[in-house]
PDB file of N, CA and C in Angstrom:
ATOM      1  N   MET A   1       0.744  -1.357   0.007  1.00  0.00           N
ATOM      2  CA  MET A   1      -0.419  -0.081   0.434  1.00  0.00           C
ATOM      3  C   MET A   1       1.027   1.120  -0.800  1.00  0.00           C
ATOM      4  N   GLY A   2       0.165   2.558  -0.630  1.00  0.00           N
ATOM      5  CA  GLY A   2       1.434   3.375  -1.219  1.00  0.00           C
ATOM      6  C   GLY A   2       0.758   4.845  -0.011  1.00  0.00           C
ATOM      7  N   VAL A   3       1.844   5.143  -0.009  1.00  0.00           N
ATOM      8  CA  VAL A   3       1.060   6.605   1.201  1.00  0.00           C
ATOM      9  C   VAL A   3       0.528   7.507   0.178  1.00  0.00           C
ATOM     10  N   ASP A   4      -0.719   8.089   0.995  1.00  0.00           N
ATOM     11  CA  ASP A   4      -1.664   8.675   0.335  1.00  0.00           C
ATOM     12  C   ASP A   4      -1.039  10.101   0.775  1.00  0.00           C
ATOM     13  N   MET A   5      -0.168  10.754  -0.324  1.00  0.00           N
ATOM     14  CA  MET A   5       0.420  12.308  -0.116  1.00  0.00           C
ATOM     15  C   MET A   5      -0.777  13.167  -0.448  1.00  0.00           C
ATOM     16  N   ASP A   6      -1.737  12.875  -1.119  1.00  0.00           N
ATOM     17  CA  ASP A   6      -2.628  13.931  -1.531  1.00  0.00           C
ATOM     18  C   ASP A   6      -3.530  14.489   0.464  1.00  0.00           C
ATOM     19  N   HIS A   7      -2.946  14.269   0.968  1.00  0.00           N
ATOM     20  CA  HIS A   7      -3.425  14.976   2.341  1.00  0.00           C
ATOM     21  C   HIS A   7      -2.941  15.793   3.095  1.00  0.00           C
ATOM     22  N   MET A   8      -3.530  16.507   4.184  1.00  0.00           N
ATOM     23  CA  MET A   8      -2.764  17.393   5.070  1.00  0.00           C
ATOM     24  C   MET A   8      -2.349  16.885   5.979  1.00  0.00           C
ATOM     25  N   GLU A   9      -1.268  18.124   6.874  1.00  0.00           N
ATOM     26  CA  GLU A   9      -0.140  17.875   7.823  1.00  0.00           C
ATOM     27  C   GLU A   9      -1.171  16.967   8.808  1.00  0.00           C
ATOM     28  N   VAL A  10      -0.607  16.067   9.543  1.00  0.00           N
ATOM     29  CA  VAL A  10      -0.895  15.511  10.594  1.00  0.00           C
ATOM     30  C   VAL A  10       0.542  15.460  11.334  1.00  0.00           C
ATOM     31  N   THR A  11      -0.340  15.964  13.025  1.00  0.00           N
ATOM     32  CA  THR A  11       0.713  15.811  13.595  1.00  0.00           C
ATOM     33  C   THR A  11       0.367  15.474  14.788  1.00  0.00           C
ATOM     34  N   ILE A  12       0.904  14.206  15.405  1.00  0.00           N
ATOM     35  CA  ILE A  12       0.487  12.947  16.734  1.00  0.00           C
ATOM     36  C   ILE A  12       1.631  13.816  18.155  1.00  0.00           C
ATOM     37  N   TYR A  13       1.276  14.091  18.830  1.00  0.00           N
ATOM     38  CA  TYR A  13       2.503  14.076  20.114  1.00  0.00           C
ATOM     39  C   TYR A  13       1.998  13.031  20.689  1.00  0.00           C
ATOM     40  N   ALA A  14       2.878  12.615  21.050  1.00  0.00           N
ATOM     41  CA  ALA A  14       3.158  11.302  21.965  1.00  0.00           C
ATOM     42  C   ALA A  14       4.204  10.702  23.141  1.00  0.00           C
ATOM     43  N   LYS A  15       3.485  10.181  23.780  1.00  0.00           N
ATOM     44  CA  LYS A  15       5.123   9.299  24.784  1.00  0.00           C
ATOM     45  C   LYS A  15       5.367   7.854  23.920  1.00  0.00           C
ATOM     46  N   ARG A  16       6.673   7.467  23.479  1.00  0.00           N
ATOM     47  CA  ARG A  16       7.148   6.435  23.696  1.00  0.00           C
ATOM     48  C   ARG A  16       6.706   4.726  23.350  1.00  0.00           C
ATOM     49  N   LYS A  17       6.927   5.559  24.734  1.00  0.00           N
ATOM     50  CA  LYS A  17       5.568   4.305  25.385  1.00  0.00           C
ATOM     51  C   LYS A  17       4.681   3.910  25.606  1.00  0.00           C
ATOM     52  N   CYS A  18       3.308   4.182  25.046  1.00  0.00           N
ATOM     53  CA  CYS A  18       2.232   4.699  25.366  1.00  0.00           C
ATOM     54  C   CYS A  18       1.575   3.997  24.376  1.00  0.00           C
ATOM     55  N   PRO A  19       0.754   2.822  24.893  1.00  0.00           N
ATOM     56  CA  PRO A  19      -0.314   1.900  24.499  1.00  0.00           C
ATOM     57  C   PRO A  19      -1.174   2.601  23.592  1.00  0.00           C
ATOM     58  N   TYR A  20      -1.549   4.010  24.139  1.00  0.00           N
ATOM     59  CA  TYR A  20      -2.678   4.879  22.801  1.00  0.00           C
ATOM     60  C   TYR A  20      -1.727   5.000  21.811  1.00  0.00           C
ATOM     61  N   CYS A  21      -0.873   5.509  21.800  1.00  0.00           N
ATOM     62  CA  CYS A  21      -0.250   6.900  20.942  1.00  0.00           C
ATOM     63  C   CYS A  21       0.654   5.545  19.745  1.00  0.00           C
ATOM     64  N   TRP A  22       0.887   3.943  20.125  1.00  0.00           N
ATOM     65  CA  TRP A  22       1.348   3.216  19.023  1.00  0.00           C
ATOM     66  C   TRP A  22      -0.396   3.280  18.941  1.00  0.00           C
ATOM     67  N   CYS A  23      -1.451   2.471  19.399  1.00  0.00           N
ATOM     68  CA  CYS A  23      -2.517   2.726  18.757  1.00  0.00           C
ATOM     69  C   CYS A  23      -2.809   3.445  17.339  1.00  0.00           C
ATOM     70  N   VAL A  24      -2.770   4.482  17.460  1.00  0.00           N
ATOM     71  CA  VAL A  24      -3.081   5.621  16.883  1.00  0.00           C
ATOM     72  C   VAL A  24      -1.578   5.745  15.950  1.00  0.00           C
ATOM     73  N   LYS A  25      -0.549   5.762  15.936  1.00  0.00           N
ATOM     74  CA  LYS A  25       0.110   5.622  14.704  1.00  0.00           C
ATOM     75  C   LYS A  25      -0.204   4.537  14.024  1.00  0.00           C
ATOM     76  N   ARG A  26      -0.165   3.265  14.373  1.00  0.00           N
ATOM     77  CA  ARG A  26      -0.698   2.471  13.872  1.00  0.00           C
ATOM     78  C   ARG A  26      -1.754   2.168  13.030  1.00  0.00           C
ATOM     79  N   LEU A  27      -3.032   2.611  13.205  1.00  0.00           N
ATOM     80  CA  LEU A  27      -4.283   3.222  12.513  1.00  0.00           C
ATOM     81  C   LEU A  27      -3.935   4.410  11.609  1.00  0.00           C
ATOM     82  N   LEU A  28      -3.108   5.010  11.539  1.00  0.00           N
ATOM     83  CA  LEU A  28      -2.164   6.190  10.685  1.00  0.00           C
ATOM     84  C   LEU A  28      -1.771   5.435   9.405  1.00  0.00           C
ATOM     85  N   ARG A  29      -0.856   4.924   9.821  1.00  0.00           N
ATOM     86  CA  ARG A  29       0.096   3.960   8.834  1.00  0.00           C
ATOM     87  C   ARG A  29      -0.794   3.420   8.197  1.00  0.00           C
ATOM     88  N   ARG A  30      -1.934   2.807   8.197  1.00  0.00           N
ATOM     89  CA  ARG A  30      -2.434   1.723   8.047  1.00  0.00           C
ATOM     90  C   ARG A  30      -3.408   1.896   7.100  1.00  0.00           C
ATOM     91  N   LYS A  31      -3.760   3.399   7.514  1.00  0.00           N
ATOM     92  CA  LYS A  31      -4.445   4.314   6.631  1.00  0.00           C
ATOM     93  C   LYS A  31      -3.772   4.626   4.986  1.00  0.00           C
ATOM     94  N   GLY A  32      -2.644   4.557   5.466  1.00  0.00           N
ATOM     95  CA  GLY A  32      -1.525   5.237   4.309  1.00  0.00           C
ATOM     96  C   GLY A  32      -1.141   6.698   4.795  1.00  0.00           C
ATOM     97  N   TYR A  33      -1.843   7.129   5.557  1.00  0.00           N
ATOM     98  CA  TYR A  33      -1.131   8.906   6.255  1.00  0.00           C
ATOM     99  C   TYR A  33       0.105   9.017   6.826  1.00  0.00           C
ATOM    100  N   ALA A  34       0.675   9.607   6.103  1.00  0.00           N
ATOM    101  CA  ALA A  34       1.854  10.416   6.404  1.00  0.00           C
ATOM    102  C   ALA A  34       1.584  10.900   7.795  1.00  0.00           C
ATOM    103  N   PHE A  35       2.875  11.052   8.853  1.00  0.00           N
ATOM    104  CA  PHE A  35       2.486  12.326  10.199  1.00  0.00           C
ATOM    105  C   PHE A  35       3.462  12.509  10.635  1.00  0.00           C
ATOM    106  N   LYS A  36       3.586  12.955  11.901  1.00  0.00           N
ATOM    107  CA  LYS A  36       5.516  13.757  12.097  1.00  0.00           C
ATOM    108  C   LYS A  36       4.586  13.117  13.417  1.00  0.00           C
ATOM    109  N   ALA A  37       5.452  12.271  13.451  1.00  0.00           N
ATOM    110  CA  ALA A  37       5.533  12.339  15.600  1.00  0.00           C
ATOM    111  C   ALA A  37       6.121  13.088  16.423  1.00  0.00           C
ATOM    112  N   VAL A  38       5.719  13.316  17.094  1.00  0.00           N
ATOM    113  CA  VAL A  38       6.630  14.958  18.352  1.00  0.00           C
ATOM    114  C   VAL A  38       6.487  14.198  19.300  1.00  0.00           C
ATOM    115  N   TYR A  39       7.457  13.725  20.062  1.00  0.00           N
ATOM    116  CA  TYR A  39       7.992  13.297  21.625  1.00  0.00           C
ATOM    117  C   TYR A  39       7.525  13.878  22.455  1.00  0.00           C
ATOM    118  N   VAL A  40       6.787  14.337  23.713  1.00  0.00           N
ATOM    119  CA  VAL A  40       6.477  15.253  24.553  1.00  0.00           C
ATOM    120  C   VAL A  40       6.835  15.062  25.157  1.00  0.00           C
ATOM    121  N   THR A  41       8.158  14.078  25.570  1.00  0.00           N
ATOM    122  CA  THR A  41       8.787  14.098  27.040  1.00  0.00           C
ATOM    123  C   THR A  41       9.493  13.946  26.788  1.00  0.00           C
ATOM    124  N   GLU A  42      10.320  14.449  25.404  1.00  0.00           N
ATOM    125  CA  GLU A  42      12.105  14.803  25.625  1.00  0.00           C
ATOM    126  C   GLU A  42      11.987  16.181  25.206  1.00  0.00           C
ATOM    127  N   ASP A  43      11.164  17.390  25.480  1.00  0.00           N
ATOM    128  CA  ASP A  43      11.501  18.809  25.475  1.00  0.00           C
ATOM    129  C   ASP A  43      10.713  18.831  27.425  1.00  0.00           C
ATOM    130  N   ASP A  44      11.399  19.253  27.813  1.00  0.00           N
ATOM    131  CA  ASP A  44      10.343  19.785  29.053  1.00  0.00           C
ATOM    132  C   ASP A  44      10.200  20.767  28.684  1.00  0.00           C
ATOM    133  N   GLY A  45       9.697  21.883  27.637  1.00  0.00           N
ATOM    134  CA  GLY A  45       9.136  23.207  27.548  1.00  0.00           C
ATOM    135  C   GLY A  45       8.410  23.021  26.824  1.00  0.00           C
ATOM    136  N   LEU A  46       8.151  21.750  25.634  1.00  0.00           N
ATOM    137  CA  LEU A  46       7.012  20.996  25.132  1.00  0.00           C
ATOM    138  C   LEU A  46       6.184  20.824  25.492  1.00  0.00           C
ATOM    139  N   ARG A  47       6.740  20.228  26.713  1.00  0.00           N
ATOM    140  CA  ARG A  47       5.595  19.063  27.746  1.00  0.00           C
ATOM    141  C   ARG A  47       4.762  19.859  28.608  1.00  0.00           C
ATOM    142  N   ALA A  48       5.187  20.934  29.021  1.00  0.00           N
ATOM    143  CA  ALA A  48       4.778  21.623  29.610  1.00  0.00           C
ATOM    144  C   ALA A  48       3.764  22.097  28.875  1.00  0.00           C
ATOM    145  N   TRP A  49       4.028  23.217  28.362  1.00  0.00           N
ATOM    146  CA  TRP A  49       2.684  23.969  27.318  1.00  0.00           C
ATOM    147  C   TRP A  49       1.522  22.441  26.236  1.00  0.00           C
ATOM    148  N   PHE A  50       2.153  21.196  26.535  1.00  0.00           N
ATOM    149  CA  PHE A  50       1.348  20.864  25.918  1.00  0.00           C
ATOM    150  C   PHE A  50       0.293  20.414  26.760  1.00  0.00           C
ATOM    151  N   ALA A  51       0.624  20.187  28.620  1.00  0.00           N
ATOM    152  CA  ALA A  51      -0.129  19.599  29.525  1.00  0.00           C
ATOM    153  C   ALA A  51      -0.583  20.779  29.762  1.00  0.00           C
ATOM    154  N   SER A  52      -0.405  22.058  29.487  1.00  0.00           N
ATOM    155  CA  SER A  52      -1.303  22.907  29.638  1.00  0.00           C
ATOM    156  C   SER A  52      -2.563  23.210  29.217  1.00  0.00           C
ATOM    157  N   PHE A  53      -2.612  22.605  27.277  1.00  0.00           N
ATOM    158  CA  PHE A  53      -3.520  23.436  26.568  1.00  0.00           C
ATOM    159  C   PHE A  53      -4.386  22.179  26.316  1.00  0.00           C
ATOM    160  N   ILE A  54      -4.021  20.595  26.608  1.00  0.00           N
ATOM    161  CA  ILE A  54      -4.202  19.509  27.075  1.00  0.00           C
ATOM    162  C   ILE A  54      -4.462  18.458  27.673  1.00  0.00           C
ATOM    163  N   VAL A  55      -5.682  19.079  28.693  1.00  0.00           N
ATOM    164  CA  VAL A  55      -5.817  17.962  29.601  1.00  0.00           C
ATOM    165  C   VAL A  55      -7.701  17.977  29.926  1.00  0.00           C
ATOM    166  N   PRO A  56      -7.368  16.113  30.366  1.00  0.00           N
ATOM    167  CA  PRO A  56      -5.647  15.619  31.730  1.00  0.00           C
ATOM    168  C   PRO A  56      -4.512  14.816  31.023  1.00  0.00           C
ATOM    169  N   LYS A  57      -5.679  13.668  29.795  1.00  0.00           N
ATOM    170  CA  LYS A  57      -4.620  13.148  29.510  1.00  0.00           C
ATOM    171  C   LYS A  57      -3.808  13.726  28.345  1.00  0.00           C
ATOM    172  N   PRO A  58      -2.718  13.866  27.911  1.00  0.00           N
ATOM    173  CA  PRO A  58      -2.194  15.173  26.758  1.00  0.00           C
ATOM    174  C   PRO A  58      -2.506  14.067  25.680  1.00  0.00           C
ATOM    175  N   VAL A  59      -1.539  12.656  25.861  1.00  0.00           N
ATOM    176  CA  VAL A  59      -1.171  11.786  24.273  1.00  0.00           C
ATOM    177  C   VAL A  59      -2.304  10.338  24.369  1.00  0.00           C
ATOM    178  N   PRO A  60      -2.538  10.231  23.448  1.00  0.00           N
ATOM    179  CA  PRO A  60      -1.249  11.015  22.539  1.00  0.00           C
ATOM    180  C   PRO A  60      -2.999  11.952  21.842  1.00  0.00           C
ATOM    181  N   TYR A  61      -2.244  13.083  20.961  1.00  0.00           N
ATOM    182  CA  TYR A  61      -3.183  13.731  20.438  1.00  0.00           C
ATOM    183  C   TYR A  61      -2.916  14.232  19.321  1.00  0.00           C
ATOM    184  N   VAL A  62      -3.738  14.536  18.544  1.00  0.00           N
ATOM    185  CA  VAL A  62      -3.723  14.592  17.240  1.00  0.00           C
ATOM    186  C   VAL A  62      -4.082  15.963  16.762  1.00  0.00           C
ATOM    187  N   PHE A  63      -3.063  15.970  15.834  1.00  0.00           N
ATOM    188  CA  PHE A  63      -3.535  17.591  15.316  1.00  0.00           C
ATOM    189  C   PHE A  63      -3.358  17.501  13.443  1.00  0.00           C
ATOM    190  N   VAL A  64      -4.617  17.920  13.327  1.00  0.00           N
ATOM    191  CA  VAL A  64      -3.984  17.988  11.688  1.00  0.00           C
ATOM    192  C   VAL A  64      -4.683  19.683  10.615  1.00  0.00           C
ATOM    193  N   ASP A  65      -3.593  19.921  10.006  1.00  0.00           N
ATOM    194  CA  ASP A  65      -3.255  21.083   9.761  1.00  0.00           C
ATOM    195  C   ASP A  65      -3.597  22.166  10.587  1.00  0.00           C
ATOM    196  N   HIS A  66      -2.676  21.099  11.469  1.00  0.00           N
ATOM    197  CA  HIS A  66      -2.441  22.617  12.896  1.00  0.00           C
ATOM    198  C   HIS A  66      -3.546  23.056  13.710  1.00  0.00           C
ATOM    199  N   ARG A  67      -4.667  22.183  13.314  1.00  0.00           N
ATOM    200  CA  ARG A  67      -5.340  21.793  14.261  1.00  0.00           C
ATOM    201  C   ARG A  67      -5.622  20.985  14.992  1.00  0.00           C
ATOM    202  N   PRO A  68      -6.243  21.127  16.504  1.00  0.00           N
ATOM    203  CA  PRO A  68      -6.733  20.809  17.556  1.00  0.00           C
ATOM    204  C   PRO A  68      -7.619  19.519  17.272  1.00  0.00           C
ATOM    205  N   VAL A  69      -7.611  18.426  16.823  1.00  0.00           N
ATOM    206  CA  VAL A  69      -8.749  16.715  16.571  1.00  0.00           C
ATOM    207  C   VAL A  69      -9.046  16.520  17.728  1.00  0.00           C
ATOM    208  N   GLY A  70      -7.798  16.265  18.038  1.00  0.00           N
ATOM    209  CA  GLY A  70      -8.563  14.607  19.137  1.00  0.00           C
ATOM    210  C   GLY A  70      -7.779  14.075  19.932  1.00  0.00           C
ATOM    211  N   ASP A  71      -7.878  13.425  20.842  1.00  0.00           N
ATOM    212  CA  ASP A  71      -7.415  11.779  21.622  1.00  0.00           C
ATOM    213  C   ASP A  71      -7.189  11.061  20.945  1.00  0.00           C
ATOM    214  N   PHE A  72      -7.112   9.997  21.921  1.00  0.00           N
ATOM    215  CA  PHE A  72      -7.274   8.371  21.361  1.00  0.00           C
ATOM    216  C   PHE A  72      -8.600   8.070  20.946  1.00  0.00           C
ATOM    217  N   LYS A  73      -9.262   8.033  21.830  1.00  0.00           N
ATOM    218  CA  LYS A  73     -10.823   8.213  21.953  1.00  0.00           C
ATOM    219  C   LYS A  73     -11.982   8.693  20.588  1.00  0.00           C
ATOM    220  N   ILE A  74     -11.118  10.013  20.607  1.00  0.00           N
ATOM    221  CA  ILE A  74     -12.382  10.702  19.490  1.00  0.00           C
ATOM    222  C   ILE A  74     -11.115  10.142  17.699  1.00  0.00           C
ATOM    223  N   ILE A  75     -10.248  10.128  17.859  1.00  0.00           N
ATOM    224  CA  ILE A  75      -9.636   9.360  16.501  1.00  0.00           C
ATOM    225  C   ILE A  75     -10.474   8.115  16.460  1.00  0.00           C
ATOM    226  N   GLN A  76     -10.562   7.009  17.621  1.00  0.00           N
ATOM    227  CA  GLN A  76     -11.397   6.300  17.095  1.00  0.00           C
ATOM    228  C   GLN A  76     -12.728   6.206  16.437  1.00  0.00           C
ATOM    229  N   ALA A  77     -13.498   7.761  17.079  1.00  0.00           N
ATOM    230  CA  ALA A  77     -14.449   7.927  16.524  1.00  0.00           C
ATOM    231  C   ALA A  77     -14.617   8.434  15.886  1.00  0.00           C
ATOM    232  N   LEU A  78     -13.550   9.339  15.007  1.00  0.00           N
ATOM    233  CA  LEU A  78     -13.904   9.750  13.501  1.00  0.00           C
ATOM    234  C   LEU A  78     -13.936   8.675  12.929  1.00  0.00           C
ATOM    235  N   GLU A  79     -12.365   7.465  12.971  1.00  0.00           N
ATOM    236  CA  GLU A  79     -11.994   6.209  11.782  1.00  0.00           C
ATOM    237  C   GLU A  79     -14.295   5.933  11.933  1.00  0.00           C
ATOM    238  N   ARG A  80     -14.460   5.618  12.840  1.00  0.00           N
ATOM    239  CA  ARG A  80     -16.577   4.936  12.586  1.00  0.00           C
ATOM    240  C   ARG A  80     -17.282   5.053  12.184  1.00  0.00           C
ATOM    241  N   SER A  81     -16.620   6.518  11.827  1.00  0.00           N
ATOM    242  CA  SER A  81     -18.283   7.388  11.439  1.00  0.00           C
ATOM    243  C   SER A  81     -17.047   7.719   9.859  1.00  0.00           C
ATOM    244  N   GLY A  82     -16.282   7.615   9.819  1.00  0.00           N
ATOM    245  CA  GLY A  82     -15.271   7.323   8.036  1.00  0.00           C
ATOM    246  C   GLY A  82     -15.039   9.230   8.699  1.00  0.00           C
ATOM    247  N   ASP A  83     -15.208   9.983   9.483  1.00  0.00           N
ATOM    248  CA  ASP A  83     -15.241  11.378   8.966  1.00  0.00           C
ATOM    249  C   ASP A  83     -13.156  11.202   9.228  1.00  0.00           C
ATOM    250  N   LEU A  84     -12.681  10.225   9.675  1.00  0.00           N
ATOM    251  CA  LEU A  84     -11.183  10.875  10.098  1.00  0.00           C
ATOM    252  C   LEU A  84     -10.650  10.564   8.857  1.00  0.00           C
ATOM    253  N   ASP A  85     -10.932  10.057   7.632  1.00  0.00           N
ATOM    254  CA  ASP A  85     -10.355  10.514   6.033  1.00  0.00           C
ATOM    255  C   ASP A  85     -11.032  11.966   5.343  1.00  0.00           C
ATOM    256  N   ARG A  86     -12.569  12.289   6.037  1.00  0.00           N
ATOM    257  CA  ARG A  86     -12.063  13.182   4.795  1.00  0.00           C
ATOM    258  C   ARG A  86     -11.779  14.732   5.873  1.00  0.00           C
ATOM    259  N   LEU A  87     -11.267  14.536   7.143  1.00  0.00           N
ATOM    260  CA  LEU A  87     -10.979  15.339   7.873  1.00  0.00           C
ATOM    261  C   LEU A  87      -9.226  15.297   7.241  1.00  0.00           C
ATOM    262  N   VAL A  88      -8.964  13.997   7.236  1.00  0.00           N
ATOM    263  CA  VAL A  88      -7.579  14.298   6.716  1.00  0.00           C
ATOM    264  C   VAL A  88      -7.758  14.853   5.449  1.00  0.00           C
ATOM    265  N   ARG A  89      -8.126  14.930   5.028  1.00  0.00           N
ATOM    266  CA  ARG A  89      -7.990  14.310   3.794  1.00  0.00           C
ATOM    267  C   ARG A  89      -8.727  16.115   3.168  1.00  0.00           C
ATOM    268  N   GLY A  90      -9.048  17.143   4.072  1.00  0.00           N
ATOM    269  CA  GLY A  90      -8.939  17.852   4.507  1.00  0.00           C
ATOM    270  C   GLY A  90     -10.783  18.383   3.549  1.00  0.00           C
ATOM    271  N   GLU A  91     -11.417  17.366   3.342  1.00  0.00           N
ATOM    272  CA  GLU A  91     -13.005  17.329   3.400  1.00  0.00           C
ATOM    273  C   GLU A  91     -13.694  18.652   4.169  1.00  0.00           C
ATOM    274  N   VAL A  92     -13.150  18.606   5.679  1.00  0.00           N
ATOM    275  CA  VAL A  92     -14.211  19.235   6.253  1.00  0.00           C
ATOM    276  C   VAL A  92     -13.096  19.887   7.109  1.00  0.00           C
TER     277      VAL A  92
END
């Protein structure tokens, strides 16, 4: 399966040993979406900013085209409804 390059920029804020982060990354890979993973545990300033922005469970958190989308549960719900594909393709 080739990577679909005709989609919005996807960024995942994650921790390296987080099973939910792994699941979201696996989902996006399976769908063929390229994404950037930013590991919040590797930068104290980023972790502090991120924790103040997304509470109470900050990771994984997905941004599409620099817009906050949601955490693991929200991404799952978007996938089930078919809205994840539309969102990543920039249709919503």
